[in-house]
Protein backbone atom coordinates (compact mmCIF):
# COMPACT_ATOMS: atom_id res chain seq x y z
CA UNK A 1 0.00 0.00 0.00
CA UNK A 2 2.16 2.83 -1.21
CA UNK A 3 0.18 6.02 -0.73
CA UNK A 4 3.05 8.41 -1.19
CA UNK A 5 5.32 8.75 -4.18
CA UNK A 6 8.93 9.45 -3.15
CA UNK A 7 11.08 12.00 -4.94
CA UNK A 8 13.26 10.45 -7.65
CA UNK A 9 16.68 11.54 -8.87
CA UNK A 10 15.11 12.36 -12.24
CA UNK A 11 12.67 14.80 -10.62
CA UNK A 12 15.48 16.41 -8.64
CA UNK A 13 17.53 16.77 -11.83
CA UNK A 14 14.60 18.47 -13.60
CA UNK A 15 14.34 20.96 -10.75
CA UNK A 16 18.13 21.41 -10.77
CA UNK A 17 18.23 22.41 -14.44
CA UNK A 18 15.13 24.58 -14.14
CA UNK A 19 16.35 26.96 -11.43
CA UNK A 20 19.06 29.61 -11.80
CA UNK A 21 22.24 29.02 -9.79
CA UNK A 22 21.11 25.62 -8.44
CA UNK A 23 22.34 24.00 -5.25
CA UNK A 24 21.33 20.85 -3.40
CA UNK A 25 19.63 22.96 -0.71
CA UNK A 26 17.66 25.03 -3.23
CA UNK A 27 16.48 21.92 -5.08
CA UNK A 28 15.49 20.21 -1.83
CA UNK A 29 13.65 23.33 -0.70
CA UNK A 30 11.79 23.64 -4.02
CA UNK A 31 10.70 20.00 -3.89
CA UNK A 32 9.71 20.22 -0.21
CA UNK A 33 7.66 23.35 -0.83
CA UNK A 34 5.81 21.50 -3.57
CA UNK A 35 4.84 18.80 -1.06
CA UNK A 36 7.56 16.27 -1.97
CA UNK A 37 9.99 16.18 0.96
CA UNK A 38 13.64 15.35 0.29
CA UNK A 39 16.81 16.17 2.20
CA UNK A 40 19.50 18.32 0.60
CA UNK A 41 22.17 15.69 1.26
CA UNK A 42 20.12 13.22 -0.77
CA UNK A 43 20.00 15.65 -3.69
CA UNK A 44 23.76 16.21 -3.38
CA UNK A 45 24.39 12.45 -3.38
CA UNK A 46 22.19 11.97 -6.45
CA UNK A 47 24.05 14.74 -8.28
CA UNK A 48 27.43 13.27 -7.31
CA UNK A 49 26.25 9.94 -8.73
CA UNK A 50 25.21 11.69 -11.97
CA UNK A 51 21.48 11.43 -11.12
CA UNK A 52 21.58 7.63 -11.19
CA UNK A 53 18.14 6.07 -10.56
CA UNK A 54 17.48 4.72 -7.09
CA UNK A 55 16.25 1.17 -6.75
CA UNK A 56 13.02 0.92 -4.75
CA UNK A 57 13.10 4.22 -2.90
CA UNK A 58 10.25 4.52 -0.40
CA UNK A 59 8.65 7.52 1.25
CA UNK A 60 9.69 7.69 4.94
CA UNK A 61 6.14 6.89 6.08
CA UNK A 62 5.96 3.85 3.81
CA UNK A 63 9.40 2.62 4.91
CA UNK A 64 8.44 3.03 8.59
CA UNK A 65 5.14 1.22 7.99
CA UNK A 66 6.94 -1.73 6.40
CA UNK A 67 9.48 -1.89 9.24
CA UNK A 68 6.70 -1.86 11.84
CA UNK A 69 4.75 -4.48 9.92
CA UNK A 70 7.75 -6.82 9.89
CA UNK A 71 8.69 -6.14 13.52
CA UNK A 72 5.10 -6.80 14.69
CA UNK A 73 5.72 -10.48 13.98
CA UNK A 74 7.35 -10.72 17.41
CA UNK A 75 3.96 -9.89 18.98
CA UNK A 76 1.77 -11.95 16.69
CA UNK A 77 4.09 -14.94 16.13
CA UNK A 78 3.06 -14.71 12.48
CA UNK A 79 5.71 -13.11 10.25
CA UNK A 80 3.37 -13.07 7.25
CA UNK A 81 0.32 -11.42 8.82
CA UNK A 82 2.18 -8.55 10.51
CA UNK A 83 -0.17 -5.80 11.68
CA UNK A 84 -3.21 -7.27 9.91
CA UNK A 85 -3.74 -9.63 12.86
CA UNK A 86 -4.09 -6.67 15.24
CA UNK A 87 -6.44 -4.62 13.06
CA UNK A 88 -10.15 -5.06 12.36
CA UNK A 89 -10.63 -2.24 9.88
CA UNK A 90 -10.42 -2.55 6.12
CA UNK A 91 -8.38 -0.22 3.95
CA UNK A 92 -10.06 3.07 3.06
CA UNK A 93 -10.56 4.25 -0.49
CA UNK A 94 -7.67 6.46 -1.60
CA UNK A 95 -8.54 7.13 -5.22
CA UNK A 96 -9.12 10.79 -5.95
CA UNK A 97 -7.35 12.07 -2.83
CA UNK A 98 -5.00 15.03 -3.16
CA UNK A 99 -1.33 14.76 -2.12
CA UNK A 100 -2.21 16.58 1.09
CA UNK A 101 -4.99 14.12 1.88
CA UNK A 102 -2.79 11.12 0.99
CA UNK A 103 -0.08 12.35 3.32
CA UNK A 104 -2.59 12.91 6.12
CA UNK A 105 -4.09 9.45 5.52
CA UNK A 106 -0.68 7.76 5.56
CA UNK A 107 0.24 9.55 8.80
CA UNK A 108 -3.11 8.55 10.29
CA UNK A 109 -2.62 4.91 9.32
CA UNK A 110 0.87 4.90 10.84
CA UNK A 111 -0.46 6.31 14.13
CA UNK A 112 -3.23 3.69 14.18
CA UNK A 113 -0.67 0.93 13.62
CA UNK A 114 1.46 2.30 16.47
CA UNK A 115 -1.60 2.40 18.73
CA UNK A 116 -2.50 -1.20 17.88
CA UNK A 117 1.01 -2.43 18.66
CA UNK A 118 1.14 -0.34 21.83
CA UNK A 119 -2.05 -1.97 23.12
CA UNK A 120 -0.66 -5.51 22.76
CA UNK A 121 2.99 -4.82 23.62
CA UNK A 122 2.81 -4.17 27.42
CA UNK A 123 1.19 -7.51 28.23
CA UNK A 124 3.88 -9.41 26.33
CA UNK A 125 6.87 -7.29 27.34
CA UNK A 126 8.19 -9.41 30.27
CA UNK A 127 8.22 -12.60 28.21
CA UNK A 128 9.64 -10.85 25.14
CA UNK A 129 12.51 -9.33 27.10
CA UNK A 130 13.45 -12.76 28.45
CA UNK A 131 13.14 -14.72 25.22
CA UNK A 132 13.38 -12.32 22.30
CA UNK A 133 15.47 -9.36 23.34
CA UNK A 134 16.82 -8.47 19.90
CA UNK A 135 13.40 -8.75 18.23
CA UNK A 136 11.91 -6.57 20.96
CA UNK A 137 14.58 -3.94 20.33
CA UNK A 138 13.79 -4.09 16.61
CA UNK A 139 10.11 -3.55 17.38
CA UNK A 140 10.89 -0.57 19.61
CA UNK A 141 13.09 0.93 16.89
CA UNK A 142 10.29 0.43 14.34
CA UNK A 143 7.79 2.12 16.68
CA UNK A 144 10.15 5.07 17.13
CA UNK A 145 10.78 5.41 13.38
CA UNK A 146 7.04 5.15 12.69
CA UNK A 147 6.21 7.85 15.19
CA UNK A 148 8.88 10.16 13.78
CA UNK A 149 7.63 9.60 10.23
CA UNK A 150 3.98 10.09 11.20
CA UNK A 151 4.66 13.27 13.13
CA UNK A 152 6.93 14.60 10.38
CA UNK A 153 4.50 13.59 7.62
CA UNK A 154 1.92 16.39 7.89
CA UNK A 155 4.70 18.97 8.13
CA UNK A 156 5.81 18.16 4.58
CA UNK A 157 2.65 19.77 3.22
CA UNK A 158 3.44 23.14 1.69
CA UNK A 159 2.03 26.15 3.53
CA UNK A 160 0.37 27.47 0.36
CA UNK A 161 -1.73 24.31 0.08
CA UNK A 162 -3.72 25.32 3.12
CA UNK A 163 -2.90 28.98 3.46
CA UNK A 164 -3.43 30.05 7.03
CA UNK A 165 -4.75 26.70 8.18
CA UNK A 166 -3.05 24.27 10.51
CA UNK A 167 -1.64 21.04 9.12
CA UNK A 168 -3.33 19.16 11.94
CA UNK A 169 -6.93 20.20 11.21
C-alpha atoms as a PDB file:
ATOM      1  CA  UNK A   1       0.000   0.000   0.000  1.00  0.00           C
ATOM      2  CA  UNK A   2       2.163   2.833  -1.213  1.00  0.00           C
ATOM      3  CA  UNK A   3       0.178   6.018  -0.726  1.00  0.00           C
ATOM      4  CA  UNK A   4       3.048   8.405  -1.186  1.00  0.00           C
ATOM      5  CA  UNK A   5       5.316   8.745  -4.175  1.00  0.00           C
ATOM      6  CA  UNK A   6       8.931   9.447  -3.153  1.00  0.00           C
ATOM      7  CA  UNK A   7      11.080  11.996  -4.941  1.00  0.00           C
ATOM      8  CA  UNK A   8      13.257  10.448  -7.647  1.00  0.00           C
ATOM      9  CA  UNK A   9      16.679  11.540  -8.868  1.00  0.00           C
ATOM     10  CA  UNK A  10      15.110  12.363 -12.240  1.00  0.00           C
ATOM     11  CA  UNK A  11      12.673  14.804 -10.625  1.00  0.00           C
ATOM     12  CA  UNK A  12      15.481  16.414  -8.645  1.00  0.00           C
ATOM     13  CA  UNK A  13      17.535  16.772 -11.828  1.00  0.00           C
ATOM     14  CA  UNK A  14      14.600  18.467 -13.603  1.00  0.00           C
ATOM     15  CA  UNK A  15      14.343  20.959 -10.750  1.00  0.00           C
ATOM     16  CA  UNK A  16      18.134  21.415 -10.772  1.00  0.00           C
ATOM     17  CA  UNK A  17      18.232  22.408 -14.441  1.00  0.00           C
ATOM     18  CA  UNK A  18      15.130  24.581 -14.142  1.00  0.00           C
ATOM     19  CA  UNK A  19      16.351  26.960 -11.432  1.00  0.00           C
ATOM     20  CA  UNK A  20      19.055  29.614 -11.802  1.00  0.00           C
ATOM     21  CA  UNK A  21      22.236  29.022  -9.788  1.00  0.00           C
ATOM     22  CA  UNK A  22      21.108  25.621  -8.443  1.00  0.00           C
ATOM     23  CA  UNK A  23      22.339  23.995  -5.253  1.00  0.00           C
ATOM     24  CA  UNK A  24      21.326  20.854  -3.395  1.00  0.00           C
ATOM     25  CA  UNK A  25      19.630  22.963  -0.708  1.00  0.00           C
ATOM     26  CA  UNK A  26      17.663  25.032  -3.231  1.00  0.00           C
ATOM     27  CA  UNK A  27      16.482  21.920  -5.081  1.00  0.00           C
ATOM     28  CA  UNK A  28      15.487  20.208  -1.828  1.00  0.00           C
ATOM     29  CA  UNK A  29      13.646  23.334  -0.703  1.00  0.00           C
ATOM     30  CA  UNK A  30      11.787  23.640  -4.023  1.00  0.00           C
ATOM     31  CA  UNK A  31      10.700  19.997  -3.888  1.00  0.00           C
ATOM     32  CA  UNK A  32       9.713  20.222  -0.215  1.00  0.00           C
ATOM     33  CA  UNK A  33       7.657  23.351  -0.828  1.00  0.00           C
ATOM     34  CA  UNK A  34       5.811  21.499  -3.570  1.00  0.00           C
ATOM     35  CA  UNK A  35       4.840  18.799  -1.061  1.00  0.00           C
ATOM     36  CA  UNK A  36       7.561  16.267  -1.970  1.00  0.00           C
ATOM     37  CA  UNK A  37       9.988  16.176   0.961  1.00  0.00           C
ATOM     38  CA  UNK A  38      13.638  15.345   0.285  1.00  0.00           C
ATOM     39  CA  UNK A  39      16.811  16.170   2.203  1.00  0.00           C
ATOM     40  CA  UNK A  40      19.496  18.324   0.596  1.00  0.00           C
ATOM     41  CA  UNK A  41      22.169  15.691   1.264  1.00  0.00           C
ATOM     42  CA  UNK A  42      20.119  13.221  -0.767  1.00  0.00           C
ATOM     43  CA  UNK A  43      20.002  15.647  -3.685  1.00  0.00           C
ATOM     44  CA  UNK A  44      23.762  16.206  -3.384  1.00  0.00           C
ATOM     45  CA  UNK A  45      24.388  12.449  -3.383  1.00  0.00           C
ATOM     46  CA  UNK A  46      22.186  11.965  -6.453  1.00  0.00           C
ATOM     47  CA  UNK A  47      24.049  14.744  -8.282  1.00  0.00           C
ATOM     48  CA  UNK A  48      27.434  13.269  -7.311  1.00  0.00           C
ATOM     49  CA  UNK A  49      26.252   9.943  -8.733  1.00  0.00           C
ATOM     50  CA  UNK A  50      25.206  11.687 -11.970  1.00  0.00           C
ATOM     51  CA  UNK A  51      21.484  11.427 -11.122  1.00  0.00           C
ATOM     52  CA  UNK A  52      21.580   7.626 -11.192  1.00  0.00           C
ATOM     53  CA  UNK A  53      18.143   6.072 -10.558  1.00  0.00           C
ATOM     54  CA  UNK A  54      17.483   4.719  -7.086  1.00  0.00           C
ATOM     55  CA  UNK A  55      16.248   1.170  -6.748  1.00  0.00           C
ATOM     56  CA  UNK A  56      13.023   0.922  -4.751  1.00  0.00           C
ATOM     57  CA  UNK A  57      13.101   4.216  -2.905  1.00  0.00           C
ATOM     58  CA  UNK A  58      10.245   4.524  -0.400  1.00  0.00           C
ATOM     59  CA  UNK A  59       8.651   7.520   1.252  1.00  0.00           C
ATOM     60  CA  UNK A  60       9.689   7.694   4.944  1.00  0.00           C
ATOM     61  CA  UNK A  61       6.141   6.886   6.082  1.00  0.00           C
ATOM     62  CA  UNK A  62       5.957   3.854   3.809  1.00  0.00           C
ATOM     63  CA  UNK A  63       9.396   2.617   4.912  1.00  0.00           C
ATOM     64  CA  UNK A  64       8.435   3.033   8.586  1.00  0.00           C
ATOM     65  CA  UNK A  65       5.138   1.218   7.993  1.00  0.00           C
ATOM     66  CA  UNK A  66       6.943  -1.732   6.400  1.00  0.00           C
ATOM     67  CA  UNK A  67       9.484  -1.885   9.242  1.00  0.00           C
ATOM     68  CA  UNK A  68       6.703  -1.858  11.844  1.00  0.00           C
ATOM     69  CA  UNK A  69       4.746  -4.477   9.919  1.00  0.00           C
ATOM     70  CA  UNK A  70       7.754  -6.817   9.885  1.00  0.00           C
ATOM     71  CA  UNK A  71       8.686  -6.140  13.516  1.00  0.00           C
ATOM     72  CA  UNK A  72       5.103  -6.800  14.686  1.00  0.00           C
ATOM     73  CA  UNK A  73       5.722 -10.479  13.980  1.00  0.00           C
ATOM     74  CA  UNK A  74       7.352 -10.725  17.410  1.00  0.00           C
ATOM     75  CA  UNK A  75       3.957  -9.889  18.978  1.00  0.00           C
ATOM     76  CA  UNK A  76       1.770 -11.949  16.687  1.00  0.00           C
ATOM     77  CA  UNK A  77       4.095 -14.938  16.129  1.00  0.00           C
ATOM     78  CA  UNK A  78       3.065 -14.708  12.482  1.00  0.00           C
ATOM     79  CA  UNK A  79       5.705 -13.108  10.247  1.00  0.00           C
ATOM     80  CA  UNK A  80       3.366 -13.069   7.247  1.00  0.00           C
ATOM     81  CA  UNK A  81       0.320 -11.422   8.816  1.00  0.00           C
ATOM     82  CA  UNK A  82       2.184  -8.555  10.509  1.00  0.00           C
ATOM     83  CA  UNK A  83      -0.169  -5.803  11.678  1.00  0.00           C
ATOM     84  CA  UNK A  84      -3.213  -7.273   9.915  1.00  0.00           C
ATOM     85  CA  UNK A  85      -3.743  -9.631  12.858  1.00  0.00           C
ATOM     86  CA  UNK A  86      -4.093  -6.671  15.241  1.00  0.00           C
ATOM     87  CA  UNK A  87      -6.442  -4.622  13.064  1.00  0.00           C
ATOM     88  CA  UNK A  88     -10.150  -5.060  12.356  1.00  0.00           C
ATOM     89  CA  UNK A  89     -10.629  -2.235   9.881  1.00  0.00           C
ATOM     90  CA  UNK A  90     -10.421  -2.548   6.123  1.00  0.00           C
ATOM     91  CA  UNK A  91      -8.383  -0.217   3.952  1.00  0.00           C
ATOM     92  CA  UNK A  92     -10.062   3.069   3.056  1.00  0.00           C
ATOM     93  CA  UNK A  93     -10.565   4.245  -0.489  1.00  0.00           C
ATOM     94  CA  UNK A  94      -7.668   6.463  -1.602  1.00  0.00           C
ATOM     95  CA  UNK A  95      -8.541   7.127  -5.222  1.00  0.00           C
ATOM     96  CA  UNK A  96      -9.116  10.785  -5.945  1.00  0.00           C
ATOM     97  CA  UNK A  97      -7.352  12.073  -2.829  1.00  0.00           C
ATOM     98  CA  UNK A  98      -4.995  15.027  -3.161  1.00  0.00           C
ATOM     99  CA  UNK A  99      -1.333  14.762  -2.122  1.00  0.00           C
ATOM    100  CA  UNK A 100      -2.215  16.585   1.086  1.00  0.00           C
ATOM    101  CA  UNK A 101      -4.994  14.122   1.884  1.00  0.00           C
ATOM    102  CA  UNK A 102      -2.792  11.119   0.987  1.00  0.00           C
ATOM    103  CA  UNK A 103      -0.083  12.353   3.322  1.00  0.00           C
ATOM    104  CA  UNK A 104      -2.586  12.911   6.120  1.00  0.00           C
ATOM    105  CA  UNK A 105      -4.093   9.450   5.522  1.00  0.00           C
ATOM    106  CA  UNK A 106      -0.676   7.756   5.558  1.00  0.00           C
ATOM    107  CA  UNK A 107       0.236   9.550   8.795  1.00  0.00           C
ATOM    108  CA  UNK A 108      -3.110   8.553  10.293  1.00  0.00           C
ATOM    109  CA  UNK A 109      -2.618   4.909   9.323  1.00  0.00           C
ATOM    110  CA  UNK A 110       0.866   4.905  10.843  1.00  0.00           C
ATOM    111  CA  UNK A 111      -0.456   6.309  14.128  1.00  0.00           C
ATOM    112  CA  UNK A 112      -3.229   3.692  14.175  1.00  0.00           C
ATOM    113  CA  UNK A 113      -0.669   0.934  13.621  1.00  0.00           C
ATOM    114  CA  UNK A 114       1.458   2.302  16.471  1.00  0.00           C
ATOM    115  CA  UNK A 115      -1.600   2.405  18.731  1.00  0.00           C
ATOM    116  CA  UNK A 116      -2.499  -1.204  17.884  1.00  0.00           C
ATOM    117  CA  UNK A 117       1.011  -2.432  18.656  1.00  0.00           C
ATOM    118  CA  UNK A 118       1.140  -0.340  21.829  1.00  0.00           C
ATOM    119  CA  UNK A 119      -2.047  -1.974  23.121  1.00  0.00           C
ATOM    120  CA  UNK A 120      -0.659  -5.512  22.764  1.00  0.00           C
ATOM    121  CA  UNK A 121       2.986  -4.815  23.618  1.00  0.00           C
ATOM    122  CA  UNK A 122       2.815  -4.170  27.424  1.00  0.00           C
ATOM    123  CA  UNK A 123       1.185  -7.510  28.230  1.00  0.00           C
ATOM    124  CA  UNK A 124       3.879  -9.411  26.326  1.00  0.00           C
ATOM    125  CA  UNK A 125       6.869  -7.291  27.336  1.00  0.00           C
ATOM    126  CA  UNK A 126       8.189  -9.408  30.274  1.00  0.00           C
ATOM    127  CA  UNK A 127       8.220 -12.600  28.215  1.00  0.00           C
ATOM    128  CA  UNK A 128       9.643 -10.851  25.141  1.00  0.00           C
ATOM    129  CA  UNK A 129      12.512  -9.333  27.100  1.00  0.00           C
ATOM    130  CA  UNK A 130      13.447 -12.760  28.454  1.00  0.00           C
ATOM    131  CA  UNK A 131      13.138 -14.724  25.219  1.00  0.00           C
ATOM    132  CA  UNK A 132      13.375 -12.320  22.299  1.00  0.00           C
ATOM    133  CA  UNK A 133      15.472  -9.358  23.345  1.00  0.00           C
ATOM    134  CA  UNK A 134      16.817  -8.467  19.897  1.00  0.00           C
ATOM    135  CA  UNK A 135      13.405  -8.755  18.229  1.00  0.00           C
ATOM    136  CA  UNK A 136      11.913  -6.570  20.964  1.00  0.00           C
ATOM    137  CA  UNK A 137      14.585  -3.939  20.332  1.00  0.00           C
ATOM    138  CA  UNK A 138      13.789  -4.085  16.613  1.00  0.00           C
ATOM    139  CA  UNK A 139      10.108  -3.552  17.379  1.00  0.00           C
ATOM    140  CA  UNK A 140      10.888  -0.572  19.614  1.00  0.00           C
ATOM    141  CA  UNK A 141      13.086   0.930  16.891  1.00  0.00           C
ATOM    142  CA  UNK A 142      10.295   0.432  14.342  1.00  0.00           C
ATOM    143  CA  UNK A 143       7.793   2.117  16.676  1.00  0.00           C
ATOM    144  CA  UNK A 144      10.147   5.067  17.128  1.00  0.00           C
ATOM    145  CA  UNK A 145      10.777   5.405  13.378  1.00  0.00           C
ATOM    146  CA  UNK A 146       7.045   5.147  12.691  1.00  0.00           C
ATOM    147  CA  UNK A 147       6.213   7.850  15.193  1.00  0.00           C
ATOM    148  CA  UNK A 148       8.878  10.164  13.780  1.00  0.00           C
ATOM    149  CA  UNK A 149       7.629   9.603  10.226  1.00  0.00           C
ATOM    150  CA  UNK A 150       3.976  10.093  11.200  1.00  0.00           C
ATOM    151  CA  UNK A 151       4.660  13.270  13.132  1.00  0.00           C
ATOM    152  CA  UNK A 152       6.928  14.598  10.377  1.00  0.00           C
ATOM    153  CA  UNK A 153       4.503  13.593   7.619  1.00  0.00           C
ATOM    154  CA  UNK A 154       1.924  16.389   7.893  1.00  0.00           C
ATOM    155  CA  UNK A 155       4.703  18.966   8.133  1.00  0.00           C
ATOM    156  CA  UNK A 156       5.815  18.162   4.581  1.00  0.00           C
ATOM    157  CA  UNK A 157       2.649  19.766   3.221  1.00  0.00           C
ATOM    158  CA  UNK A 158       3.437  23.140   1.693  1.00  0.00           C
ATOM    159  CA  UNK A 159       2.030  26.153   3.534  1.00  0.00           C
ATOM    160  CA  UNK A 160       0.374  27.471   0.361  1.00  0.00           C
ATOM    161  CA  UNK A 161      -1.727  24.306   0.079  1.00  0.00           C
ATOM    162  CA  UNK A 162      -3.719  25.319   3.122  1.00  0.00           C
ATOM    163  CA  UNK A 163      -2.896  28.980   3.460  1.00  0.00           C
ATOM    164  CA  UNK A 164      -3.427  30.054   7.029  1.00  0.00           C
ATOM    165  CA  UNK A 165      -4.754  26.695   8.177  1.00  0.00           C
ATOM    166  CA  UNK A 166      -3.052  24.275  10.511  1.00  0.00           C
ATOM    167  CA  UNK A 167      -1.636  21.037   9.121  1.00  0.00           C
ATOM    168  CA  UNK A 168      -3.330  19.161  11.942  1.00  0.00           C
ATOM    169  CA  UNK A 169      -6.928  20.196  11.207  1.00  0.00           C
END
